[in-house]
């Protein structure tokens, strides 16, 4: 009788663990920051500000992704319209250009997905040419009203850059913005170090 009860309890615990693991395990979600999927609004009141566009794109977990072109620089930030400071944008990373997709890492179901990190491909201009050269995966710590670079992986110098970036992202729950230092994943390069510095001015 005791053996039967013990087996039943162990089976029940195992089944609960299996059923809970998909929601709690690290997962990917993807959103677009392509022009067609975002809304544009000009910023500034001066004539020369007409080229500086603020682009608002949908995210996950209540976040919006903000993309701001400033001449030869592009910066990416985050905002939580329903959180404590709905109008505040936290600028996290900048470079010459960026990819078109945000890879969110988190857990939960589709309706209750909670991201703890976001990965964005940042691009540097190739010297003297209007094309991209070095490309770095920026790993950004994400929480309501919180965003900062927690890691960087040079996509050209590391053959498994995506996997390395996701591994860095999955350490996010223990990373404290403003306290912990970003990590360079794999081969350290000048471009990765620049991305790891984040955006100093808000």
C-alpha atoms as a PDB file:
ATOM      1  CA  UNK A   1       0.000   0.000   0.000  1.00  0.00           C
ATOM      2  CA  UNK A   2       2.776   2.434   0.951  1.00  0.00           C
ATOM      3  CA  UNK A   3       4.635   1.600  -2.257  1.00  0.00           C
ATOM      4  CA  UNK A   4       1.506   2.269  -4.311  1.00  0.00           C
ATOM      5  CA  UNK A   5       0.952   5.646  -2.606  1.00  0.00           C
ATOM      6  CA  UNK A   6       4.617   6.588  -3.034  1.00  0.00           C
ATOM      7  CA  UNK A   7       4.517   5.716  -6.725  1.00  0.00           C
ATOM      8  CA  UNK A   8       1.334   7.743  -7.157  1.00  0.00           C
ATOM      9  CA  UNK A   9       2.880  10.782  -5.462  1.00  0.00           C
ATOM     10  CA  UNK A  10       6.078  10.520  -7.525  1.00  0.00           C
ATOM     11  CA  UNK A  11       4.100  10.148 -10.740  1.00  0.00           C
ATOM     12  CA  UNK A  12       1.935  13.148  -9.867  1.00  0.00           C
ATOM     13  CA  UNK A  13       4.965  15.319  -9.091  1.00  0.00           C
ATOM     14  CA  UNK A  14       6.675  14.260 -12.312  1.00  0.00           C
ATOM     15  CA  UNK A  15       3.595  15.001 -14.389  1.00  0.00           C
ATOM     16  CA  UNK A  16       3.231  18.431 -12.788  1.00  0.00           C
ATOM     17  CA  UNK A  17       6.882  19.197 -13.479  1.00  0.00           C
ATOM     18  CA  UNK A  18       6.541  18.174 -17.110  1.00  0.00           C
ATOM     19  CA  UNK A  19       3.367  20.189 -17.585  1.00  0.00           C
ATOM     20  CA  UNK A  20       4.889  23.261 -15.922  1.00  0.00           C
ATOM     21  CA  UNK A  21       8.259  23.178 -17.639  1.00  0.00           C
ATOM     22  CA  UNK A  22       7.230  24.552 -21.065  1.00  0.00           C
ATOM     23  CA  UNK A  23       5.826  27.730 -19.532  1.00  0.00           C
ATOM     24  CA  UNK A  24       8.769  28.230 -17.163  1.00  0.00           C
ATOM     25  CA  UNK A  25      11.546  27.281 -19.568  1.00  0.00           C
ATOM     26  CA  UNK A  26      13.420  29.930 -21.521  1.00  0.00           C
ATOM     27  CA  UNK A  27      11.589  30.707 -24.740  1.00  0.00           C
ATOM     28  CA  UNK A  28      11.938  32.929 -27.797  1.00  0.00           C
ATOM     29  CA  UNK A  29       9.479  35.469 -29.112  1.00  0.00           C
ATOM     30  CA  UNK A  30      10.168  37.662 -32.128  1.00  0.00           C
ATOM     31  CA  UNK A  31       8.855  41.096 -33.054  1.00  0.00           C
ATOM     32  CA  UNK A  32       9.635  43.351 -35.974  1.00  0.00           C
ATOM     33  CA  UNK A  33      11.148  46.831 -36.051  1.00  0.00           C
ATOM     34  CA  UNK A  34      10.790  47.061 -39.827  1.00  0.00           C
ATOM     35  CA  UNK A  35       9.240  50.321 -41.035  1.00  0.00           C
ATOM     36  CA  UNK A  36       6.045  48.627 -42.219  1.00  0.00           C
ATOM     37  CA  UNK A  37       5.339  47.267 -38.727  1.00  0.00           C
ATOM     38  CA  UNK A  38       5.917  50.506 -36.813  1.00  0.00           C
ATOM     39  CA  UNK A  39       4.546  54.022 -36.586  1.00  0.00           C
ATOM     40  CA  UNK A  40       6.563  57.176 -37.232  1.00  0.00           C
ATOM     41  CA  UNK A  41       6.504  60.591 -35.607  1.00  0.00           C
ATOM     42  CA  UNK A  42       8.946  63.451 -36.260  1.00  0.00           C
ATOM     43  CA  UNK A  43      10.808  64.827 -33.264  1.00  0.00           C
ATOM     44  CA  UNK A  44      12.016  68.365 -32.668  1.00  0.00           C
ATOM     45  CA  UNK A  45      10.657  71.690 -33.839  1.00  0.00           C
ATOM     46  CA  UNK A  46      13.521  72.944 -35.981  1.00  0.00           C
ATOM     47  CA  UNK A  47      13.618  72.495 -39.797  1.00  0.00           C
ATOM     48  CA  UNK A  48      16.739  70.346 -39.609  1.00  0.00           C
ATOM     49  CA  UNK A  49      14.973  67.975 -37.207  1.00  0.00           C
ATOM     50  CA  UNK A  50      12.723  66.707 -39.991  1.00  0.00           C
ATOM     51  CA  UNK A  51      15.139  63.845 -40.709  1.00  0.00           C
ATOM     52  CA  UNK A  52      15.245  62.721 -37.073  1.00  0.00           C
ATOM     53  CA  UNK A  53      12.411  60.237 -36.887  1.00  0.00           C
ATOM     54  CA  UNK A  54      11.114  58.447 -33.838  1.00  0.00           C
ATOM     55  CA  UNK A  55       9.746  55.020 -34.699  1.00  0.00           C
ATOM     56  CA  UNK A  56       7.490  53.139 -32.275  1.00  0.00           C
ATOM     57  CA  UNK A  57       7.224  49.379 -32.690  1.00  0.00           C
ATOM     58  CA  UNK A  58       5.249  46.699 -30.815  1.00  0.00           C
ATOM     59  CA  UNK A  59       7.065  44.523 -28.297  1.00  0.00           C
ATOM     60  CA  UNK A  60       6.004  41.879 -25.791  1.00  0.00           C
ATOM     61  CA  UNK A  61       5.209  41.900 -22.096  1.00  0.00           C
ATOM     62  CA  UNK A  62       3.711  45.383 -22.281  1.00  0.00           C
ATOM     63  CA  UNK A  63       6.854  46.909 -23.806  1.00  0.00           C
ATOM     64  CA  UNK A  64       7.227  49.079 -26.883  1.00  0.00           C
ATOM     65  CA  UNK A  65      10.454  49.338 -28.878  1.00  0.00           C
ATOM     66  CA  UNK A  66      11.561  52.845 -29.848  1.00  0.00           C
ATOM     67  CA  UNK A  67      13.970  53.403 -32.745  1.00  0.00           C
ATOM     68  CA  UNK A  68      15.463  56.867 -33.202  1.00  0.00           C
ATOM     69  CA  UNK A  69      17.600  57.851 -36.193  1.00  0.00           C
ATOM     70  CA  UNK A  70      19.963  60.717 -35.401  1.00  0.00           C
ATOM     71  CA  UNK A  71      22.027  61.517 -38.457  1.00  0.00           C
ATOM     72  CA  UNK A  72      24.579  58.716 -38.811  1.00  0.00           C
ATOM     73  CA  UNK A  73      23.562  57.068 -35.533  1.00  0.00           C
ATOM     74  CA  UNK A  74      20.592  54.937 -34.625  1.00  0.00           C
ATOM     75  CA  UNK A  75      19.558  54.177 -31.075  1.00  0.00           C
ATOM     76  CA  UNK A  76      17.073  51.685 -29.680  1.00  0.00           C
ATOM     77  CA  UNK A  77      15.104  52.114 -26.492  1.00  0.00           C
ATOM     78  CA  UNK A  78      12.124  50.708 -24.627  1.00  0.00           C
ATOM     79  CA  UNK A  79       8.975  52.103 -23.038  1.00  0.00           C
ATOM     80  CA  UNK A  80       6.200  50.565 -20.930  1.00  0.00           C
ATOM     81  CA  UNK A  81       2.995  52.570 -21.577  1.00  0.00           C
ATOM     82  CA  UNK A  82       1.096  50.938 -18.714  1.00  0.00           C
ATOM     83  CA  UNK A  83       3.929  50.836 -16.166  1.00  0.00           C
ATOM     84  CA  UNK A  84       5.044  53.390 -13.578  1.00  0.00           C
ATOM     85  CA  UNK A  85       6.417  55.984 -16.030  1.00  0.00           C
ATOM     86  CA  UNK A  86       4.367  55.555 -19.223  1.00  0.00           C
ATOM     87  CA  UNK A  87       6.053  58.331 -21.231  1.00  0.00           C
ATOM     88  CA  UNK A  88       9.643  57.529 -20.264  1.00  0.00           C
ATOM     89  CA  UNK A  89      11.845  55.948 -22.917  1.00  0.00           C
ATOM     90  CA  UNK A  90      14.968  54.155 -21.740  1.00  0.00           C
ATOM     91  CA  UNK A  91      17.593  54.230 -24.488  1.00  0.00           C
ATOM     92  CA  UNK A  92      19.703  51.088 -24.311  1.00  0.00           C
ATOM     93  CA  UNK A  93      21.998  50.741 -27.334  1.00  0.00           C
ATOM     94  CA  UNK A  94      23.168  52.620 -30.412  1.00  0.00           C
ATOM     95  CA  UNK A  95      25.211  52.086 -33.573  1.00  0.00           C
ATOM     96  CA  UNK A  96      25.078  53.048 -37.248  1.00  0.00           C
ATOM     97  CA  UNK A  97      22.092  50.820 -38.019  1.00  0.00           C
ATOM     98  CA  UNK A  98      20.233  47.779 -36.729  1.00  0.00           C
ATOM     99  CA  UNK A  99      18.575  44.581 -37.857  1.00  0.00           C
ATOM    100  CA  UNK A 100      14.829  44.284 -38.356  1.00  0.00           C
ATOM    101  CA  UNK A 101      13.973  41.795 -35.597  1.00  0.00           C
ATOM    102  CA  UNK A 102      13.996  41.777 -31.803  1.00  0.00           C
ATOM    103  CA  UNK A 103      14.534  38.349 -30.233  1.00  0.00           C
ATOM    104  CA  UNK A 104      12.863  38.368 -26.813  1.00  0.00           C
ATOM    105  CA  UNK A 105      13.898  35.819 -24.195  1.00  0.00           C
ATOM    106  CA  UNK A 106      11.503  35.008 -21.380  1.00  0.00           C
ATOM    107  CA  UNK A 107       8.976  32.517 -20.115  1.00  0.00           C
ATOM    108  CA  UNK A 108       5.236  32.025 -19.910  1.00  0.00           C
ATOM    109  CA  UNK A 109       2.370  31.413 -22.289  1.00  0.00           C
ATOM    110  CA  UNK A 110       1.619  33.474 -25.379  1.00  0.00           C
ATOM    111  CA  UNK A 111      -0.895  35.596 -23.467  1.00  0.00           C
ATOM    112  CA  UNK A 112       1.276  35.980 -20.366  1.00  0.00           C
ATOM    113  CA  UNK A 113       4.803  35.944 -21.751  1.00  0.00           C
ATOM    114  CA  UNK A 114       7.246  37.769 -19.479  1.00  0.00           C
ATOM    115  CA  UNK A 115      10.496  38.836 -21.152  1.00  0.00           C
ATOM    116  CA  UNK A 116      13.679  39.239 -19.171  1.00  0.00           C
ATOM    117  CA  UNK A 117      15.983  40.085 -22.087  1.00  0.00           C
ATOM    118  CA  UNK A 118      15.959  41.223 -25.700  1.00  0.00           C
ATOM    119  CA  UNK A 119      18.552  40.616 -28.410  1.00  0.00           C
ATOM    120  CA  UNK A 120      19.015  43.086 -31.269  1.00  0.00           C
ATOM    121  CA  UNK A 121      21.553  42.996 -34.101  1.00  0.00           C
ATOM    122  CA  UNK A 122      23.436  46.303 -34.193  1.00  0.00           C
ATOM    123  CA  UNK A 123      25.456  47.298 -37.258  1.00  0.00           C
ATOM    124  CA  UNK A 124      28.494  49.520 -37.767  1.00  0.00           C
ATOM    125  CA  UNK A 125      29.252  51.345 -40.988  1.00  0.00           C
ATOM    126  CA  UNK A 126      31.992  49.866 -43.139  1.00  0.00           C
ATOM    127  CA  UNK A 127      34.769  52.397 -43.445  1.00  0.00           C
ATOM    128  CA  UNK A 128      34.111  54.978 -46.170  1.00  0.00           C
ATOM    129  CA  UNK A 129      31.196  52.976 -47.569  1.00  0.00           C
ATOM    130  CA  UNK A 130      27.406  53.333 -47.065  1.00  0.00           C
ATOM    131  CA  UNK A 131      27.070  49.661 -46.104  1.00  0.00           C
ATOM    132  CA  UNK A 132      27.241  47.670 -42.883  1.00  0.00           C
ATOM    133  CA  UNK A 133      30.527  46.258 -41.661  1.00  0.00           C
ATOM    134  CA  UNK A 134      30.862  44.822 -38.153  1.00  0.00           C
ATOM    135  CA  UNK A 135      27.667  43.437 -36.637  1.00  0.00           C
ATOM    136  CA  UNK A 136      27.120  42.771 -32.951  1.00  0.00           C
ATOM    137  CA  UNK A 137      24.259  41.098 -31.095  1.00  0.00           C
ATOM    138  CA  UNK A 138      23.304  43.394 -28.229  1.00  0.00           C
ATOM    139  CA  UNK A 139      21.845  41.534 -25.260  1.00  0.00           C
ATOM    140  CA  UNK A 140      19.568  43.885 -23.325  1.00  0.00           C
ATOM    141  CA  UNK A 141      18.232  43.326 -19.824  1.00  0.00           C
ATOM    142  CA  UNK A 142      14.466  43.871 -19.839  1.00  0.00           C
ATOM    143  CA  UNK A 143      12.030  44.438 -16.995  1.00  0.00           C
ATOM    144  CA  UNK A 144       9.186  46.967 -16.544  1.00  0.00           C
ATOM    145  CA  UNK A 145      10.759  50.455 -16.657  1.00  0.00           C
ATOM    146  CA  UNK A 146      14.214  48.846 -16.934  1.00  0.00           C
ATOM    147  CA  UNK A 147      16.512  48.347 -19.917  1.00  0.00           C
ATOM    148  CA  UNK A 148      20.291  48.238 -20.246  1.00  0.00           C
ATOM    149  CA  UNK A 149      22.936  46.329 -22.187  1.00  0.00           C
ATOM    150  CA  UNK A 150      23.996  43.250 -20.248  1.00  0.00           C
ATOM    151  CA  UNK A 151      26.082  41.604 -22.943  1.00  0.00           C
ATOM    152  CA  UNK A 152      27.391  41.736 -26.506  1.00  0.00           C
ATOM    153  CA  UNK A 153      28.450  39.081 -29.018  1.00  0.00           C
ATOM    154  CA  UNK A 154      30.279  39.935 -32.244  1.00  0.00           C
ATOM    155  CA  UNK A 155      28.336  38.097 -34.948  1.00  0.00           C
ATOM    156  CA  UNK A 156      31.269  37.972 -37.362  1.00  0.00           C
ATOM    157  CA  UNK A 157      33.894  36.793 -34.889  1.00  0.00           C
ATOM    158  CA  UNK A 158      31.787  34.050 -33.315  1.00  0.00           C
ATOM    159  CA  UNK A 159      30.298  31.235 -35.463  1.00  0.00           C
ATOM    160  CA  UNK A 160      27.634  30.433 -32.832  1.00  0.00           C
ATOM    161  CA  UNK A 161      26.780  34.038 -32.064  1.00  0.00           C
ATOM    162  CA  UNK A 162      23.016  33.519 -31.709  1.00  0.00           C
ATOM    163  CA  UNK A 163      23.439  30.693 -29.215  1.00  0.00           C
ATOM    164  CA  UNK A 164      26.035  32.682 -27.265  1.00  0.00           C
ATOM    165  CA  UNK A 165      23.747  35.731 -27.117  1.00  0.00           C
ATOM    166  CA  UNK A 166      20.822  33.654 -25.859  1.00  0.00           C
ATOM    167  CA  UNK A 167      23.035  32.059 -23.208  1.00  0.00           C
ATOM    168  CA  UNK A 168      23.988  35.538 -21.983  1.00  0.00           C
ATOM    169  CA  UNK A 169      20.334  36.591 -22.071  1.00  0.00           C
ATOM    170  CA  UNK A 170      19.272  33.665 -19.918  1.00  0.00           C
ATOM    171  CA  UNK A 171      21.459  34.994 -17.092  1.00  0.00           C
ATOM    172  CA  UNK A 172      19.269  38.118 -17.059  1.00  0.00           C
ATOM    173  CA  UNK A 173      17.280  37.523 -13.835  1.00  0.00           C
ATOM    174  CA  UNK A 174      20.495  37.912 -11.830  1.00  0.00           C
ATOM    175  CA  UNK A 175      21.738  40.988 -13.746  1.00  0.00           C
ATOM    176  CA  UNK A 176      21.212  44.394 -12.126  1.00  0.00           C
ATOM    177  CA  UNK A 177      21.312  47.452 -14.389  1.00  0.00           C
ATOM    178  CA  UNK A 178      23.562  50.161 -13.016  1.00  0.00           C
ATOM    179  CA  UNK A 179      25.427  47.696 -10.834  1.00  0.00           C
ATOM    180  CA  UNK A 180      26.619  44.726 -12.872  1.00  0.00           C
ATOM    181  CA  UNK A 181      29.002  45.055 -15.811  1.00  0.00           C
ATOM    182  CA  UNK A 182      28.046  43.770 -19.285  1.00  0.00           C
ATOM    183  CA  UNK A 183      29.709  40.586 -20.533  1.00  0.00           C
ATOM    184  CA  UNK A 184      31.422  40.126 -23.887  1.00  0.00           C
ATOM    185  CA  UNK A 185      30.434  36.718 -25.210  1.00  0.00           C
ATOM    186  CA  UNK A 186      33.026  34.700 -27.126  1.00  0.00           C
ATOM    187  CA  UNK A 187      35.749  36.617 -28.965  1.00  0.00           C
ATOM    188  CA  UNK A 188      36.105  40.169 -27.668  1.00  0.00           C
ATOM    189  CA  UNK A 189      36.262  42.809 -30.406  1.00  0.00           C
ATOM    190  CA  UNK A 190      36.275  46.593 -30.607  1.00  0.00           C
ATOM    191  CA  UNK A 191      32.727  46.584 -31.942  1.00  0.00           C
ATOM    192  CA  UNK A 192      31.466  44.311 -29.145  1.00  0.00           C
ATOM    193  CA  UNK A 193      33.086  46.545 -26.534  1.00  0.00           C
ATOM    194  CA  UNK A 194      31.426  49.614 -28.029  1.00  0.00           C
ATOM    195  CA  UNK A 195      27.995  47.972 -27.901  1.00  0.00           C
ATOM    196  CA  UNK A 196      28.618  46.816 -24.331  1.00  0.00           C
ATOM    197  CA  UNK A 197      29.037  50.450 -23.264  1.00  0.00           C
ATOM    198  CA  UNK A 198      25.364  51.064 -24.052  1.00  0.00           C
ATOM    199  CA  UNK A 199      23.942  54.577 -24.231  1.00  0.00           C
ATOM    200  CA  UNK A 200      25.278  57.029 -21.682  1.00  0.00           C
ATOM    201  CA  UNK A 201      22.801  59.842 -22.332  1.00  0.00           C
ATOM    202  CA  UNK A 202      19.067  59.415 -21.791  1.00  0.00           C
END
